[in-house]
Amino acid sequence: MARSPSSPLSDLWFKGVVCALIGAVIVIGPWVARSPSVRELLAQAAVVGWFALVLGLAFCGRALWWQWQQRR
């Protein structure tokens, strides 16, 4: 089964949304988690969560910039 080719723009959007969601879950996780061990685990991964969140937002920003440049 052949995969349909995707545009670089849709790839950027996909990567951006996925990274931002993962980052948001990791950053918000310690306040939402019920188990103390899960809270501690997510609190230790806060730096990774912030990195993923910023990277995802950067991908989304790049996709927006690319769309804006194509319309001009």
N, C-alpha and C. Protein backbone atom coordinates (compact mmCIF):
# COMPACT_ATOMS: atom_id res chain seq x y z
N MET A 1 0.84 -1.16 0.00
CA MET A 1 0.00 0.00 0.00
C MET A 1 0.90 1.24 0.00
N ALA A 2 0.78 2.04 -1.01
CA ALA A 2 1.63 3.22 -1.15
C ALA A 2 1.06 4.38 -0.33
N ARG A 3 1.97 5.09 0.28
CA ARG A 3 1.58 6.26 1.06
C ARG A 3 1.50 7.47 0.16
N SER A 4 0.47 8.26 0.31
CA SER A 4 0.34 9.44 -0.53
C SER A 4 1.38 10.47 -0.10
N PRO A 5 1.98 11.13 -1.06
CA PRO A 5 3.00 12.11 -0.70
C PRO A 5 2.37 13.30 0.04
N SER A 6 3.02 13.72 1.10
CA SER A 6 2.51 14.86 1.85
C SER A 6 3.39 16.07 1.59
N SER A 7 2.81 17.22 1.71
CA SER A 7 3.56 18.43 1.46
C SER A 7 4.42 18.76 2.67
N PRO A 8 5.52 19.47 2.45
CA PRO A 8 6.35 19.89 3.57
C PRO A 8 5.58 20.75 4.57
N LEU A 9 4.62 21.51 4.08
CA LEU A 9 3.83 22.36 4.97
C LEU A 9 2.98 21.52 5.92
N SER A 10 2.35 20.48 5.42
CA SER A 10 1.55 19.63 6.30
C SER A 10 2.44 18.85 7.27
N ASP A 11 3.65 18.50 6.83
CA ASP A 11 4.59 17.86 7.75
C ASP A 11 4.99 18.80 8.88
N LEU A 12 5.22 20.06 8.57
CA LEU A 12 5.56 21.04 9.60
C LEU A 12 4.42 21.19 10.60
N TRP A 13 3.20 21.29 10.08
CA TRP A 13 2.04 21.41 10.97
C TRP A 13 1.91 20.19 11.87
N PHE A 14 2.08 19.00 11.30
CA PHE A 14 1.95 17.77 12.07
C PHE A 14 3.01 17.71 13.17
N LYS A 15 4.27 17.96 12.80
CA LYS A 15 5.36 17.94 13.78
C LYS A 15 5.13 18.99 14.86
N GLY A 16 4.70 20.16 14.46
CA GLY A 16 4.48 21.23 15.42
C GLY A 16 3.40 20.90 16.42
N VAL A 17 2.29 20.42 15.94
CA VAL A 17 1.16 20.11 16.83
C VAL A 17 1.51 18.95 17.76
N VAL A 18 2.14 17.93 17.23
CA VAL A 18 2.49 16.77 18.06
C VAL A 18 3.50 17.16 19.13
N CYS A 19 4.55 17.89 18.75
CA CYS A 19 5.56 18.31 19.73
C CYS A 19 4.95 19.23 20.79
N ALA A 20 4.12 20.16 20.37
CA ALA A 20 3.50 21.07 21.33
C ALA A 20 2.57 20.33 22.29
N LEU A 21 1.83 19.37 21.79
CA LEU A 21 0.94 18.59 22.67
C LEU A 21 1.74 17.75 23.67
N ILE A 22 2.80 17.11 23.19
CA ILE A 22 3.64 16.32 24.10
C ILE A 22 4.25 17.22 25.17
N GLY A 23 4.76 18.37 24.74
CA GLY A 23 5.35 19.30 25.69
C GLY A 23 4.35 19.80 26.70
N ALA A 24 3.15 20.14 26.24
CA ALA A 24 2.12 20.64 27.14
C ALA A 24 1.71 19.58 28.16
N VAL A 25 1.60 18.34 27.73
CA VAL A 25 1.23 17.26 28.65
C VAL A 25 2.31 17.07 29.71
N ILE A 26 3.57 17.14 29.30
CA ILE A 26 4.66 16.96 30.26
C ILE A 26 4.74 18.13 31.23
N VAL A 27 4.53 19.35 30.73
CA VAL A 27 4.62 20.53 31.60
C VAL A 27 3.44 20.60 32.56
N ILE A 28 2.24 20.29 32.10
CA ILE A 28 1.04 20.38 32.93
C ILE A 28 0.87 19.13 33.80
N GLY A 29 1.48 18.05 33.42
CA GLY A 29 1.31 16.77 34.09
C GLY A 29 1.47 16.76 35.59
N PRO A 30 2.51 17.39 36.14
CA PRO A 30 2.68 17.32 37.61
C PRO A 30 1.51 17.91 38.40
N TRP A 31 0.77 18.84 37.85
CA TRP A 31 -0.36 19.43 38.56
C TRP A 31 -1.64 18.60 38.39
N VAL A 32 -1.67 17.76 37.38
CA VAL A 32 -2.88 16.99 37.09
C VAL A 32 -2.78 15.55 37.58
N ALA A 33 -1.57 15.02 37.61
CA ALA A 33 -1.38 13.61 37.96
C ALA A 33 -1.81 13.35 39.40
N ARG A 34 -2.41 12.20 39.63
CA ARG A 34 -2.88 11.83 40.96
C ARG A 34 -1.83 11.04 41.73
N SER A 35 -1.07 10.25 41.03
CA SER A 35 -0.07 9.41 41.68
C SER A 35 1.19 10.22 42.01
N PRO A 36 1.69 10.12 43.22
CA PRO A 36 2.91 10.86 43.58
C PRO A 36 4.12 10.46 42.73
N SER A 37 4.20 9.17 42.37
CA SER A 37 5.34 8.74 41.57
C SER A 37 5.28 9.32 40.15
N VAL A 38 4.08 9.42 39.59
CA VAL A 38 3.92 10.02 38.26
C VAL A 38 4.21 11.51 38.33
N ARG A 39 3.75 12.17 39.39
CA ARG A 39 4.05 13.59 39.58
C ARG A 39 5.55 13.83 39.61
N GLU A 40 6.24 13.02 40.37
CA GLU A 40 7.69 13.17 40.50
C GLU A 40 8.39 12.92 39.16
N LEU A 41 7.94 11.91 38.45
CA LEU A 41 8.52 11.59 37.15
C LEU A 41 8.33 12.74 36.16
N LEU A 42 7.13 13.28 36.10
CA LEU A 42 6.86 14.38 35.18
C LEU A 42 7.57 15.67 35.61
N ALA A 43 7.71 15.88 36.91
CA ALA A 43 8.42 17.05 37.39
C ALA A 43 9.89 16.98 36.99
N GLN A 44 10.46 15.80 36.99
CA GLN A 44 11.86 15.64 36.59
C GLN A 44 12.04 15.84 35.10
N ALA A 45 10.99 15.67 34.32
CA ALA A 45 11.06 15.81 32.87
C ALA A 45 10.60 17.19 32.41
N ALA A 46 10.53 18.13 33.32
CA ALA A 46 10.01 19.47 32.98
C ALA A 46 10.86 20.16 31.89
N VAL A 47 12.15 20.01 31.94
CA VAL A 47 13.02 20.65 30.94
C VAL A 47 12.72 20.09 29.55
N VAL A 48 12.54 18.79 29.49
CA VAL A 48 12.21 18.15 28.21
C VAL A 48 10.84 18.62 27.73
N GLY A 49 9.91 18.77 28.64
CA GLY A 49 8.57 19.25 28.27
C GLY A 49 8.61 20.66 27.72
N TRP A 50 9.36 21.54 28.37
CA TRP A 50 9.47 22.92 27.87
C TRP A 50 10.15 22.95 26.51
N PHE A 51 11.17 22.10 26.33
CA PHE A 51 11.85 22.05 25.04
C PHE A 51 10.89 21.59 23.94
N ALA A 52 10.12 20.55 24.23
CA ALA A 52 9.17 20.04 23.23
C ALA A 52 8.09 21.08 22.92
N LEU A 53 7.64 21.79 23.94
CA LEU A 53 6.63 22.82 23.73
C LEU A 53 7.16 23.95 22.86
N VAL A 54 8.36 24.43 23.16
CA VAL A 54 8.96 25.51 22.37
C VAL A 54 9.26 25.03 20.95
N LEU A 55 9.75 23.81 20.81
CA LEU A 55 10.04 23.28 19.47
C LEU A 55 8.76 23.15 18.65
N GLY A 56 7.69 22.67 19.27
CA GLY A 56 6.42 22.55 18.57
C GLY A 56 5.89 23.90 18.13
N LEU A 57 5.98 24.89 19.01
CA LEU A 57 5.54 26.23 18.64
C LEU A 57 6.40 26.82 17.54
N ALA A 58 7.69 26.50 17.55
CA ALA A 58 8.57 26.97 16.48
C ALA A 58 8.19 26.34 15.14
N PHE A 59 7.88 25.05 15.14
CA PHE A 59 7.44 24.40 13.91
C PHE A 59 6.15 25.04 13.39
N CYS A 60 5.20 25.28 14.29
CA CYS A 60 3.94 25.92 13.88
C CYS A 60 4.19 27.33 13.37
N GLY A 61 5.07 28.06 14.03
CA GLY A 61 5.41 29.40 13.57
C GLY A 61 6.07 29.38 12.21
N ARG A 62 6.92 28.41 11.98
CA ARG A 62 7.57 28.28 10.67
C ARG A 62 6.53 27.95 9.59
N ALA A 63 5.58 27.11 9.92
CA ALA A 63 4.53 26.77 8.96
C ALA A 63 3.68 27.99 8.63
N LEU A 64 3.34 28.78 9.67
CA LEU A 64 2.59 30.01 9.43
C LEU A 64 3.38 30.98 8.56
N TRP A 65 4.67 31.11 8.85
CA TRP A 65 5.52 32.00 8.06
C TRP A 65 5.57 31.54 6.61
N TRP A 66 5.68 30.24 6.41
CA TRP A 66 5.76 29.70 5.06
C TRP A 66 4.45 29.95 4.31
N GLN A 67 3.32 29.75 4.97
CA GLN A 67 2.02 30.02 4.33
C GLN A 67 1.89 31.50 3.98
N TRP A 68 2.31 32.36 4.88
CA TRP A 68 2.23 33.79 4.64
C TRP A 68 3.12 34.20 3.46
N GLN A 69 4.30 33.61 3.34
CA GLN A 69 5.21 33.92 2.25
C GLN A 69 4.66 33.42 0.91
N GLN A 70 3.96 32.30 0.91
CA GLN A 70 3.41 31.77 -0.33
C GLN A 70 2.24 32.61 -0.82
N ARG A 71 1.52 33.25 0.07
CA ARG A 71 0.37 34.06 -0.34
C ARG A 71 0.80 35.42 -0.89
N ARG A 72 1.97 35.86 -0.58
CA ARG A 72 2.43 37.16 -1.05
C ARG A 72 2.87 37.13 -2.48
